[in-house]
Protein backbone atom coordinates (compact mmCIF):
# COMPACT_ATOMS: atom_id res chain seq x y z
CA MET A 1 -72.00 54.20 69.70
CA ALA A 2 -71.44 57.91 69.04
CA LYS A 3 -69.85 59.72 71.96
CA ARG A 4 -71.39 62.77 73.56
CA THR A 5 -68.67 65.18 74.72
CA THR A 6 -70.90 67.82 76.34
CA VAL A 7 -73.30 67.77 79.33
CA ALA A 8 -76.69 69.41 79.78
CA LYS A 9 -76.81 72.66 81.74
CA TRP A 10 -79.66 74.07 83.79
CA LEU A 11 -80.88 77.45 82.53
CA PRO A 12 -82.62 79.24 85.48
CA LYS A 13 -84.00 81.97 83.23
CA TYR A 14 -85.87 79.41 81.08
CA GLU A 15 -86.27 76.78 83.82
CA ARG A 16 -85.03 73.87 81.70
CA TRP A 17 -82.03 71.71 80.96
CA GLN A 18 -80.29 72.30 77.61
CA ILE A 19 -77.57 70.52 75.66
CA LYS A 20 -76.09 71.22 72.23
CA VAL A 21 -74.53 68.36 70.24
CA ARG A 22 -73.03 67.94 66.76
CA LYS A 23 -73.07 64.96 64.37
CA ASP A 24 -71.00 65.37 61.22
CA SER A 25 -71.90 68.85 59.97
CA GLU A 26 -75.31 68.98 61.66
CA ARG A 27 -75.94 70.55 65.08
CA LYS A 28 -78.99 70.17 67.33
CA THR A 29 -80.21 71.47 70.68
CA PHE A 30 -82.21 69.34 73.15
CA THR A 31 -84.05 70.54 76.24
CA CYS A 32 -85.98 69.12 79.22
CA PRO A 33 -88.11 71.11 81.77
CA ILE A 34 -87.88 68.47 84.52
CA PRO A 35 -85.79 69.87 87.38
CA GLY A 36 -83.01 67.96 89.12
CA ARG A 37 -80.83 65.08 87.90
CA GLU A 38 -83.78 63.25 86.39
CA GLY A 39 -84.27 66.10 83.94
CA GLN A 40 -80.56 66.19 83.08
CA ARG A 41 -80.52 62.45 82.40
CA GLU A 42 -83.61 62.81 80.18
CA CYS A 43 -81.90 65.60 78.25
CA HIS A 44 -78.79 63.42 77.78
CA LYS A 45 -80.95 60.54 76.60
CA LYS A 46 -82.57 62.65 73.87
CA ALA A 47 -79.17 63.77 72.61
CA ASP A 48 -77.70 60.26 72.70
CA VAL A 49 -80.60 58.78 70.76
CA TRP A 50 -80.09 61.33 68.00
CA LEU A 51 -76.32 60.84 67.94
CA ASP A 52 -76.72 57.07 67.57
CA GLU A 53 -79.47 57.31 64.97
CA GLY A 54 -78.44 55.45 61.79
CA LEU A 55 -75.30 54.07 63.39
CA ILE A 56 -74.67 50.33 63.57
CA ASP A 57 -74.15 48.38 66.79
CA GLN A 58 -70.42 48.08 67.52
CA ASN A 59 -70.92 44.41 68.46
CA ILE A 60 -72.44 43.49 65.11
CA LYS A 61 -71.25 40.19 63.62
CA VAL A 62 -69.43 40.05 60.29
CA GLY A 63 -72.19 38.02 58.64
CA THR A 64 -74.91 40.49 59.61
CA LEU A 65 -72.91 43.54 58.52
CA PHE A 66 -71.96 41.81 55.26
CA ASP A 67 -75.66 41.33 54.46
CA ARG A 68 -76.26 45.04 55.06
CA MET A 69 -73.40 45.86 52.72
CA ILE A 70 -74.95 43.69 49.99
CA GLU A 71 -78.31 45.45 50.43
CA GLU A 72 -76.60 48.79 49.90
CA LEU A 73 -74.76 47.46 46.83
CA LYS A 74 -78.05 46.28 45.35
CA VAL A 75 -79.21 49.90 45.36
CA ASN A 76 -75.97 51.47 44.12
CA THR A 77 -74.36 48.95 41.74
CA SER A 78 -75.21 46.47 39.00
CA LYS A 79 -76.43 42.96 39.71
CA THR A 80 -73.30 41.56 38.09
CA HIS A 81 -71.19 43.33 40.71
CA TRP A 82 -73.12 42.63 43.92
CA ARG A 83 -73.97 39.06 42.91
CA ASN A 84 -70.28 38.09 42.92
CA TYR A 85 -69.74 39.67 46.34
CA GLU A 86 -72.84 37.93 47.69
CA LEU A 87 -71.45 34.62 46.38
CA PHE A 88 -68.06 35.18 48.06
CA GLY A 89 -69.84 36.03 51.29
CA ARG A 90 -72.00 32.91 51.23
CA LEU A 91 -69.24 30.48 50.20
CA TYR A 92 -66.19 31.79 52.02
CA ILE A 93 -66.55 34.84 54.26
CA LYS A 94 -69.53 33.83 56.41
CA PRO A 95 -68.43 30.20 56.95
CA CYS A 96 -64.98 31.40 58.04
CA ILE A 97 -65.53 34.62 60.04
CA GLY A 98 -69.27 35.25 59.88
CA ASN A 99 -69.77 34.90 63.66
CA LYS A 100 -66.87 37.18 64.64
CA ARG A 101 -67.48 40.70 65.86
CA THR A 102 -66.59 43.12 63.09
CA SER A 103 -64.89 45.45 65.59
CA GLU A 104 -62.45 42.66 66.50
CA LEU A 105 -61.34 41.87 62.94
CA ASN A 106 -57.66 41.99 62.09
CA GLU A 107 -55.74 41.34 58.89
CA GLN A 108 -55.06 37.71 59.78
CA HIS A 109 -58.79 37.04 59.98
CA LEU A 110 -59.10 38.27 56.39
CA GLN A 111 -56.16 36.14 55.30
CA ASN A 112 -57.90 33.18 56.93
CA VAL A 113 -60.83 33.71 54.56
CA ILE A 114 -58.47 33.43 51.58
CA THR A 115 -56.94 30.26 53.02
CA TYR A 116 -60.43 28.87 53.63
CA ALA A 117 -61.41 29.58 50.00
CA TYR A 118 -58.26 27.80 48.83
CA LYS A 119 -58.98 24.71 50.95
CA HIS A 120 -62.75 24.67 50.39
CA PRO A 121 -63.30 25.88 46.80
CA ALA A 122 -66.77 25.76 45.28
CA LYS A 123 -67.31 22.69 43.09
CA LYS A 124 -64.04 21.33 44.57
CA LYS A 125 -62.01 22.99 41.82
CA THR A 126 -58.95 25.07 42.69
CA LEU A 127 -59.79 28.74 42.32
CA SER A 128 -57.90 30.92 39.86
CA LYS A 129 -55.69 33.86 40.77
CA LYS A 130 -58.29 36.13 39.19
CA THR A 131 -60.96 34.78 41.56
CA PHE A 132 -58.70 35.29 44.57
CA LYS A 133 -58.08 38.88 43.47
CA ASP A 134 -61.84 39.37 43.35
CA ILE A 135 -62.24 37.86 46.84
CA ILE A 136 -59.57 40.22 48.18
CA SER A 137 -61.37 43.16 46.56
CA CYS A 138 -64.58 42.01 48.26
CA LEU A 139 -62.87 41.77 51.67
CA LYS A 140 -61.34 45.23 51.29
CA TYR A 141 -64.69 46.68 50.29
CA PHE A 142 -66.31 45.09 53.35
CA VAL A 143 -63.67 46.58 55.65
CA LYS A 144 -64.18 49.96 53.99
CA PHE A 145 -67.93 49.61 54.62
CA ALA A 146 -67.20 48.83 58.28
CA ARG A 147 -64.92 51.89 58.55
CA LYS A 148 -67.66 54.03 57.02
CA ASN A 149 -69.93 52.85 59.81
CA GLN A 150 -67.22 53.64 62.40
CA ILE A 151 -66.93 50.00 63.50
CA THR A 152 -63.26 49.45 62.66
CA LYS A 153 -60.10 51.34 61.81
CA LEU A 154 -58.56 48.39 59.99
CA TYR A 155 -56.72 49.03 56.70
CA PRO A 156 -55.65 45.67 55.21
CA GLU A 157 -52.43 46.05 53.23
CA SER A 158 -50.74 42.69 52.72
CA LEU A 159 -53.37 40.10 51.82
CA SER A 160 -51.77 37.44 49.64
CA ILE A 161 -52.92 34.89 47.08
CA PRO A 162 -52.02 31.22 47.70
CA HIS A 163 -49.15 29.97 45.55
CA GLY A 164 -51.25 27.05 44.36
CA ALA A 165 -53.90 29.26 42.76
CA LYS A 166 -54.46 28.49 39.09
CA GLU A 167 -53.40 30.86 36.34
CA THR A 168 -56.32 31.92 34.17
CA ASN A 169 -55.73 30.44 30.74
CA LYS A 170 -57.11 33.07 28.42
CA GLY A 171 -56.46 32.31 24.79
CA THR A 172 -56.84 33.92 21.41
CA LEU A 173 -58.03 33.04 17.96
CA VAL A 174 -55.09 31.94 15.82
CA PRO A 175 -54.57 33.22 12.24
CA ALA A 176 -56.30 30.14 10.81
CA ASP A 177 -59.34 30.88 12.98
CA LEU A 178 -59.39 34.50 11.82
CA GLU A 179 -59.30 33.43 8.18
CA LYS A 180 -62.38 31.28 8.80
CA LEU A 181 -64.16 34.01 10.77
CA PHE A 182 -63.61 36.62 8.06
CA GLY A 183 -64.01 34.19 5.19
CA CYS A 184 -67.20 32.35 6.08
CA ALA A 185 -70.55 33.75 7.25
CA LYS A 186 -72.27 30.36 7.28
CA THR A 187 -73.38 28.38 10.32
CA ILE A 188 -75.45 25.27 10.93
CA TYR A 189 -79.02 25.83 12.15
CA LYS A 190 -81.47 22.94 12.52
CA ASN A 191 -79.05 20.71 10.60
CA LYS A 192 -79.04 23.13 7.66
CA GLU A 193 -76.53 25.70 6.46
CA ALA A 194 -77.62 29.26 7.19
CA GLU A 195 -76.28 32.81 7.32
CA GLU A 196 -74.99 33.75 10.77
CA TRP A 197 -76.70 36.87 12.15
CA PHE A 198 -73.85 37.91 14.45
CA ILE A 199 -70.99 37.34 12.01
CA HIS A 200 -70.25 41.06 11.59
CA ALA A 201 -70.47 41.70 15.33
CA TRP A 202 -67.79 39.07 15.98
CA ARG A 203 -65.55 40.44 13.25
CA PHE A 204 -65.95 43.96 14.62
CA ALA A 205 -65.13 42.70 18.14
CA VAL A 206 -61.87 41.14 16.96
CA ILE A 207 -60.82 44.28 15.09
CA THR A 208 -61.65 46.77 17.84
CA GLY A 209 -61.12 44.77 21.04
CA MET A 210 -64.58 45.75 22.29
CA ARG A 211 -66.14 43.68 25.08
CA PRO A 212 -69.35 41.72 24.31
CA GLY A 213 -71.37 44.11 26.50
CA GLU A 214 -69.97 47.08 24.59
CA ILE A 215 -70.85 45.48 21.26
CA SER A 216 -74.39 44.91 22.56
CA GLY A 217 -74.78 48.52 23.69
CA LEU A 218 -73.19 50.17 20.63
CA ARG A 219 -75.64 52.52 18.90
CA ASN A 220 -75.62 54.20 15.52
CA VAL A 221 -75.21 57.60 17.21
CA ASP A 222 -71.95 56.34 18.72
CA ILE A 223 -70.25 56.19 15.32
CA LYS A 224 -69.73 59.42 13.40
CA LYS A 225 -67.41 60.03 10.46
CA GLY A 226 -65.36 56.93 11.19
CA VAL A 227 -64.92 57.73 14.88
CA CYS A 228 -66.36 55.35 17.50
CA THR A 229 -67.29 56.47 21.02
CA ILE A 230 -68.03 53.85 23.67
CA ARG A 231 -70.58 55.33 26.06
CA GLN A 232 -72.38 52.30 27.48
CA ALA A 233 -72.46 48.52 27.80
CA ILE A 234 -75.25 46.01 28.39
CA ASN A 235 -74.21 43.25 30.75
CA PHE A 236 -75.26 39.60 31.17
CA ASP A 237 -78.14 40.72 33.39
CA LYS A 238 -79.48 43.01 30.62
CA GLU A 239 -78.51 46.11 32.63
CA THR A 240 -77.22 49.15 30.78
CA THR A 241 -74.09 50.46 32.49
CA THR A 242 -71.31 52.95 31.77
CA GLY A 243 -68.89 50.09 31.30
CA LYS A 244 -66.61 47.75 33.21
CA ASN A 245 -64.35 50.46 34.66
CA ARG A 246 -63.40 54.11 34.32
CA ASN A 247 -61.35 53.36 31.18
CA ALA A 248 -64.28 51.74 29.39
CA GLN A 249 -65.72 54.97 27.99
CA ARG A 250 -63.39 55.94 25.18
CA THR A 251 -63.16 57.36 21.68
CA PHE A 252 -61.04 56.04 18.80
CA VAL A 253 -60.77 56.18 15.03
CA LEU A 254 -61.95 53.02 13.29
CA PRO A 255 -59.53 51.26 10.93
CA ALA A 256 -60.66 50.80 7.33
CA ILE A 257 -61.31 47.08 7.81
CA ALA A 258 -63.74 47.88 10.64
CA LEU A 259 -65.56 50.37 8.42
CA ASP A 260 -65.93 47.62 5.82
CA VAL A 261 -67.49 45.37 8.46
CA LEU A 262 -69.96 48.14 9.35
CA LYS A 263 -70.96 48.45 5.70
CA ASP A 264 -71.56 44.70 5.52
CA GLN A 265 -73.67 44.89 8.68
CA GLN A 266 -75.77 47.74 7.30
CA HIS A 267 -76.25 45.86 4.04
CA MET A 268 -77.42 42.73 5.90
CA MET A 269 -79.95 44.71 7.96
CA LYS A 270 -81.23 46.51 4.85
CA ASN A 271 -81.78 43.18 3.12
CA VAL A 272 -84.08 41.98 5.92
CA GLY A 273 -85.76 45.37 6.30
CA LEU A 274 -84.61 45.88 9.90
CA VAL A 275 -84.22 49.36 11.39
CA SER A 276 -82.67 49.63 14.84
CA PRO A 277 -80.87 52.21 16.99
CA TYR A 278 -78.24 49.54 17.69
CA VAL A 279 -75.35 48.80 15.35
CA PHE A 280 -75.42 45.04 16.00
CA PRO A 281 -78.96 44.30 17.24
CA ALA A 282 -80.73 41.02 17.80
CA PRO A 283 -82.94 39.95 14.85
CA THR A 284 -85.82 41.70 16.65
CA GLY A 285 -84.04 45.07 16.52
CA GLU A 286 -83.46 45.21 20.29
CA ALA A 287 -80.06 44.98 21.96
CA PHE A 288 -78.94 41.37 21.84
CA ILE A 289 -78.83 39.19 24.96
CA GLN A 290 -75.30 38.04 25.77
CA GLN A 291 -76.42 34.48 26.51
CA THR A 292 -77.81 34.23 22.95
CA TYR A 293 -74.69 35.89 21.51
CA TYR A 294 -72.56 33.29 23.30
CA LYS A 295 -74.68 30.28 22.24
CA ARG A 296 -74.70 31.40 18.60
CA TRP A 297 -70.91 31.72 18.73
CA LEU A 298 -70.54 28.16 20.05
CA ARG A 299 -72.68 26.90 17.18
CA TYR A 300 -70.77 28.89 14.55
CA ARG A 301 -67.42 27.90 16.07
CA GLU A 302 -68.33 24.21 15.94
CA ALA A 303 -69.65 24.45 12.38
CA ASN A 304 -66.47 26.06 11.09
CA GLY A 305 -63.82 24.19 13.10
CA ILE A 306 -62.64 27.25 15.04
CA SER A 307 -60.62 26.95 18.25
CA LYS A 308 -62.59 26.73 21.48
CA ARG A 309 -62.46 30.40 22.40
CA THR A 310 -65.17 32.57 23.92
CA PRO A 311 -66.57 35.89 22.65
CA TYR A 312 -64.60 37.69 25.38
CA GLU A 313 -61.41 36.09 24.07
CA MET A 314 -61.95 38.02 20.85
CA ARG A 315 -60.80 40.98 22.95
CA HIS A 316 -57.68 39.03 23.95
CA THR A 317 -57.15 38.31 20.26
CA PHE A 318 -57.13 42.04 19.55
CA PHE A 319 -54.48 42.77 22.19
CA SER A 320 -52.41 39.80 21.06
CA ALA A 321 -52.57 40.83 17.41
CA THR A 322 -51.59 44.44 18.17
CA LYS A 323 -48.98 43.76 20.89
CA ALA A 324 -46.18 45.10 18.67
CA LEU A 325 -47.87 48.50 18.37
CA PRO A 326 -47.24 51.38 20.82
CA THR A 327 -48.89 50.48 24.14
CA GLU A 328 -50.46 53.88 24.83
CA ARG A 329 -52.16 53.95 21.46
CA ILE A 330 -53.65 50.49 21.89
CA LYS A 331 -54.90 51.40 25.36
CA ALA A 332 -56.84 54.23 23.77
CA VAL A 333 -58.66 51.82 21.48
CA GLY A 334 -59.09 48.88 23.85
CA GLY A 335 -59.86 50.81 27.01
CA HIS A 336 -57.15 49.05 28.98
CA GLY A 337 -54.89 50.43 31.68
CA LYS A 338 -55.90 52.06 34.97
CA ASP A 339 -53.73 55.12 34.32
CA PHE A 340 -55.33 55.91 30.99
CA ASP A 341 -57.20 59.20 30.70
CA THR A 342 -60.58 58.08 29.33
CA PHE A 343 -62.00 61.28 27.89
CA GLY A 344 -58.90 63.47 27.58
CA THR A 345 -56.93 61.17 25.32
CA TYR A 346 -57.65 62.51 21.88
CA GLY A 347 -57.68 66.10 23.07
CA HIS A 348 -54.01 65.72 24.04
CA GLU A 349 -52.79 63.72 21.07
CA LEU A 350 -50.65 65.18 18.35
CA PRO A 351 -52.57 65.84 15.14
CA GLY A 352 -53.05 62.66 13.13
CA GLU A 353 -52.04 60.17 15.84
CA ALA A 354 -55.51 58.62 16.15
CA GLU A 355 -55.66 58.10 12.39
CA GLU A 356 -52.13 56.63 12.41
CA THR A 357 -53.19 54.16 15.10
CA ALA A 358 -56.19 53.11 13.00
CA ASP A 359 -53.89 52.58 10.01
CA MET A 360 -51.50 50.50 12.14
CA ILE A 361 -54.34 48.26 13.30
CA ASN A 362 -55.64 48.00 9.74
CA ASN A 363 -52.22 46.84 8.50
CA VAL A 364 -52.03 44.21 11.27
CA TYR A 365 -55.31 42.62 10.18
CA LYS A 366 -54.49 42.91 6.48
CA LYS A 367 -51.42 40.78 7.14
CA LEU A 368 -53.26 38.32 9.36
CA LEU A 369 -56.03 37.88 6.79
CA ASN A 370 -53.72 38.05 3.75
CA LYS A 371 -55.62 41.02 2.36
CA ASP A 372 -53.87 43.48 0.07
CA LYS A 373 -56.67 46.01 -0.36
């Protein structure tokens, strides 16, 4: 509860009790004309009700407060974000500490949640380190939400991941896979050979390191004079967002091989008479749905004997292929690195650096694909 630090005073001239109180930056005055202590108590009651308005009960249980946090996230964030937190709450947080008072939480209680998740993983499969990092982020966000509501002063600092957590095995397309991807546009559809609609999107993803959601949201207006600007992404839930993180919005010069892919894409769309604001649209002209993008890739991958990699691992392929290039330059293209200045990058580069980076990337893929042009 909010604390009132002042008391009501009787004003003989006006024949009433009066009290002035402040909440955050707002100040209010409350009065009561009833004489005696009854009037003073009534005046205090009015002030206390206002001070406590919007505040959460200090005895609230973790499970109840967690649900309120999710409701707020549903208003302020994407479904992809709050859905994961809701899952962690249902599977691990509520079963472990859901009935505890939030005001009594300490860091060990939070660590107990992590231990619980390790011993009781969903689907009985050991969770990965990446999942544990996400659970820790969820716990820290919950504690921050509780602090915002003045229920706790806890600042967790040393939450740890169990040693037995699995490493996430992200892979890449090998050179033989890339030769197939860039050499064959055919897939198998209804037991017949057919042209693959997303072939140029996949090639572009490998060359640029763009995420599937960024490929889906890329528009023609985002590419001008060989320069690509990532302004938005469309996630698995068909929501248009500003990207995965603050580094996602970026600008970079496209290598020549990527420009060739764009020309092939434009030629394909012209042949079928399709006009769309999106660079790599669905056959209907709308932004493609990631589930369809993924299923088509599985079919193409199987038809051409390509390694079992996902569309997101095309991004890993990009970083693997360009790992010998200067880190800061690759960050600018791939949107990686929390310390990277998203919008200020090219304004602070030396003249010609962006073009040099594009040439470096172009040479990498020329070697990988055995192209001399």
